[in-house]
Amino acid sequence: MLQMKQLECIMPIIETSHKLSSDQEEYRVCSGSFVFFRVIVGENRCRLMTATASEDTGEYRAFDDQKRLLDSTLSVFADLDMESVLKEDHAGRQYLETEVFNDAKDLVHVATTVLDRLGFEDISVLALREMKAVHNEFSTDYTGEDAYLSDGMWVTADGRLVQR
């Protein structure tokens, strides 16, 4: 089971899906009316892939500009040192696939960063931009080192809060 800890209020959201198969644990990463990613859960790792097709239920549709989604996702994967493979689905549509750890919080961060690159506006993208601004405000130099906030809390250059 994908480790989800109180992520219901965070967008993009991770929901159970059965788009690809009913034989495996599968999720979709959505925001607004779009599905951006699919996640297939393995024993210790997951496969994260860009979504090429809308949900069969009509609940979410695939992002309209697949080339921009691929380009933005590839850029984020490269920035995060995540290796990826360009593949084609059964209809010949290209998608990116990478292995990720089984951690919903990290998946949401990756998805939010991609949505930010796309210029897609949702609450998590706005929050990510704010956290990056907080980092820039409290950073003592331009090396990208974490910035100390208070009470053992630090903010990273990519907008995450960490406790030490």
Protein backbone atom coordinates (compact mmCIF):
# COMPACT_ATOMS: atom_id res chain seq x y z
CA MET A 1 0.00 0.00 0.00
CA LEU A 2 1.27 3.47 -0.87
CA GLN A 3 2.19 5.26 2.34
CA MET A 4 -0.28 8.13 2.55
CA LYS A 5 -0.26 10.28 5.67
CA GLN A 6 -2.85 13.05 5.76
CA LEU A 7 -2.38 14.06 2.12
CA GLU A 8 -6.08 14.40 1.42
CA CYS A 9 -5.93 18.20 1.76
CA ILE A 10 -2.86 18.55 -0.45
CA MET A 11 -3.12 19.02 -4.19
CA PRO A 12 -2.16 17.34 -6.41
CA ILE A 13 -4.02 14.41 -4.94
CA ILE A 14 -3.22 10.72 -5.09
CA GLU A 15 -6.18 8.41 -5.64
CA THR A 16 -6.64 4.71 -6.24
CA SER A 17 -7.05 3.82 -9.91
CA HIS A 18 -7.70 0.74 -12.02
CA LYS A 19 -6.93 2.25 -15.42
CA LEU A 20 -4.08 -0.07 -16.36
CA SER A 21 -4.93 -3.28 -14.51
CA SER A 22 -7.00 -4.63 -11.66
CA ASP A 23 -4.21 -7.07 -10.76
CA GLN A 24 -1.80 -4.50 -9.35
CA GLU A 25 -1.86 -1.68 -6.84
CA GLU A 26 -2.25 1.46 -8.90
CA TYR A 27 -2.81 5.17 -8.24
CA ARG A 28 -3.34 8.32 -10.25
CA VAL A 29 -1.93 11.75 -9.43
CA CYS A 30 -4.51 14.40 -10.31
CA SER A 31 -5.11 18.10 -9.97
CA GLY A 32 -8.14 20.02 -11.10
CA SER A 33 -9.83 17.99 -13.81
CA PHE A 34 -6.58 16.43 -15.08
CA VAL A 35 -4.67 13.23 -14.43
CA PHE A 36 -0.93 13.92 -14.73
CA PHE A 37 0.74 10.75 -13.48
CA ARG A 38 0.10 7.09 -12.83
CA VAL A 39 1.84 5.11 -10.08
CA ILE A 40 2.25 1.33 -10.08
CA VAL A 41 3.29 -0.01 -6.69
CA GLY A 42 5.88 -2.76 -6.39
CA GLU A 43 7.35 -4.38 -3.30
CA ASN A 44 9.85 -1.66 -2.35
CA ARG A 45 9.63 0.83 -5.20
CA CYS A 46 7.03 2.29 -7.49
CA ARG A 47 6.92 3.14 -11.16
CA LEU A 48 5.86 6.73 -11.81
CA MET A 49 4.75 7.55 -15.34
CA THR A 50 3.16 10.48 -17.12
CA ALA A 51 -0.49 9.83 -17.92
CA THR A 52 -1.32 9.66 -21.63
CA ALA A 53 -5.04 8.91 -21.47
CA SER A 54 -8.08 10.10 -19.59
CA GLU A 55 -9.71 7.99 -16.91
CA ASP A 56 -12.26 5.52 -18.27
CA THR A 57 -14.82 6.91 -15.82
CA GLY A 58 -14.52 10.38 -17.37
CA GLU A 59 -13.64 11.75 -13.94
CA TYR A 60 -10.24 13.10 -15.03
CA ARG A 61 -8.87 13.78 -18.46
CA ALA A 62 -5.29 13.61 -19.68
CA PHE A 63 -3.46 16.94 -19.73
CA ASP A 64 -4.10 18.64 -23.07
CA ASP A 65 -0.48 19.45 -23.97
CA GLN A 66 1.33 16.12 -23.64
CA LYS A 67 4.58 17.52 -25.11
CA ARG A 68 4.75 20.21 -22.41
CA LEU A 69 3.99 17.58 -19.74
CA LEU A 70 6.81 15.37 -21.06
CA ASP A 71 9.26 18.28 -21.30
CA SER A 72 8.43 19.61 -17.83
CA THR A 73 8.56 16.15 -16.28
CA LEU A 74 11.89 15.35 -17.96
CA SER A 75 13.30 18.64 -16.70
CA VAL A 76 12.18 17.95 -13.12
CA PHE A 77 13.47 14.37 -13.23
CA ALA A 78 16.84 15.67 -14.42
CA ASP A 79 16.96 18.31 -11.66
CA LEU A 80 16.20 15.64 -9.06
CA ASP A 81 18.74 13.20 -10.57
CA MET A 82 15.96 10.75 -11.41
CA GLU A 83 16.65 8.51 -14.37
CA SER A 84 13.73 8.02 -16.73
CA VAL A 85 12.85 6.10 -19.85
CA LEU A 86 10.74 7.40 -22.74
CA LYS A 87 8.19 4.73 -23.72
CA GLU A 88 5.06 4.41 -25.84
CA ASP A 89 1.67 3.15 -24.70
CA HIS A 90 -0.52 0.74 -26.70
CA ALA A 91 -1.84 3.68 -28.79
CA GLY A 92 1.65 4.94 -29.67
CA ARG A 93 1.55 7.92 -27.27
CA GLN A 94 4.85 8.76 -25.59
CA TYR A 95 5.22 8.80 -21.83
CA LEU A 96 8.05 9.00 -19.30
CA GLU A 97 8.59 6.36 -16.64
CA THR A 98 10.90 6.35 -13.63
CA GLU A 99 11.31 4.40 -10.42
CA VAL A 100 10.50 6.16 -7.16
CA PHE A 101 10.34 5.21 -3.52
CA ASN A 102 6.98 4.20 -2.09
CA ASP A 103 6.36 7.56 -0.41
CA ALA A 104 3.29 9.68 -1.16
CA LYS A 105 4.85 12.86 0.21
CA ASP A 106 7.76 12.62 -2.25
CA LEU A 107 5.41 11.78 -5.12
CA VAL A 108 3.30 14.84 -4.37
CA HIS A 109 6.45 16.99 -4.26
CA VAL A 110 7.62 15.71 -7.67
CA ALA A 111 4.14 16.23 -9.16
CA THR A 112 3.86 19.72 -7.65
CA THR A 113 7.24 20.68 -9.06
CA VAL A 114 6.16 19.49 -12.53
CA LEU A 115 2.90 21.43 -12.27
CA ASP A 116 4.87 24.51 -11.28
CA ARG A 117 7.04 24.13 -14.41
CA LEU A 118 3.88 23.77 -16.48
CA GLY A 119 2.49 26.99 -15.02
CA PHE A 120 -0.49 25.03 -13.68
CA GLU A 121 -2.10 26.83 -10.75
CA ASP A 122 -3.31 24.88 -7.76
CA ILE A 123 -2.89 25.26 -4.03
CA SER A 124 0.20 23.06 -3.77
CA VAL A 125 2.00 24.93 -6.56
CA LEU A 126 1.30 28.23 -4.85
CA ALA A 127 2.52 26.80 -1.52
CA LEU A 128 5.68 25.45 -3.18
CA ARG A 129 6.42 28.87 -4.66
CA GLU A 130 5.93 30.44 -1.23
CA MET A 131 8.29 27.96 0.43
CA LYS A 132 10.95 28.66 -2.22
CA ALA A 133 10.50 32.38 -1.53
CA VAL A 134 10.89 31.73 2.21
CA HIS A 135 14.11 29.83 1.46
CA ASN A 136 15.42 32.71 -0.61
CA GLU A 137 14.51 35.21 2.11
CA PHE A 138 16.25 33.29 4.91
CA SER A 139 19.17 31.89 2.96
CA THR A 140 22.47 33.43 3.97
CA ASP A 141 24.15 32.81 0.61
CA TYR A 142 23.40 31.61 -2.91
CA THR A 143 24.83 28.08 -2.64
CA GLY A 144 21.42 26.41 -2.32
CA GLU A 145 22.10 25.26 1.24
CA ASP A 146 19.12 24.71 3.51
CA ALA A 147 17.97 27.80 5.43
CA TYR A 148 17.31 27.60 9.17
CA LEU A 149 13.90 28.86 10.28
CA SER A 150 13.43 28.08 13.98
CA ASP A 151 13.07 25.25 16.50
CA GLY A 152 15.01 22.75 14.39
CA MET A 153 13.04 23.49 11.19
CA TRP A 154 14.85 24.11 7.93
CA VAL A 155 13.58 24.92 4.44
CA THR A 156 15.37 23.45 1.41
CA ALA A 157 16.00 25.25 -1.88
CA ASP A 158 13.33 23.10 -3.52
CA GLY A 159 10.70 24.22 -1.00
CA ARG A 160 10.55 21.32 1.46
CA LEU A 161 10.42 21.67 5.23
CA VAL A 162 12.76 19.38 7.14
CA GLN A 163 13.23 18.90 10.86
CA ARG A 164 16.63 18.20 12.32
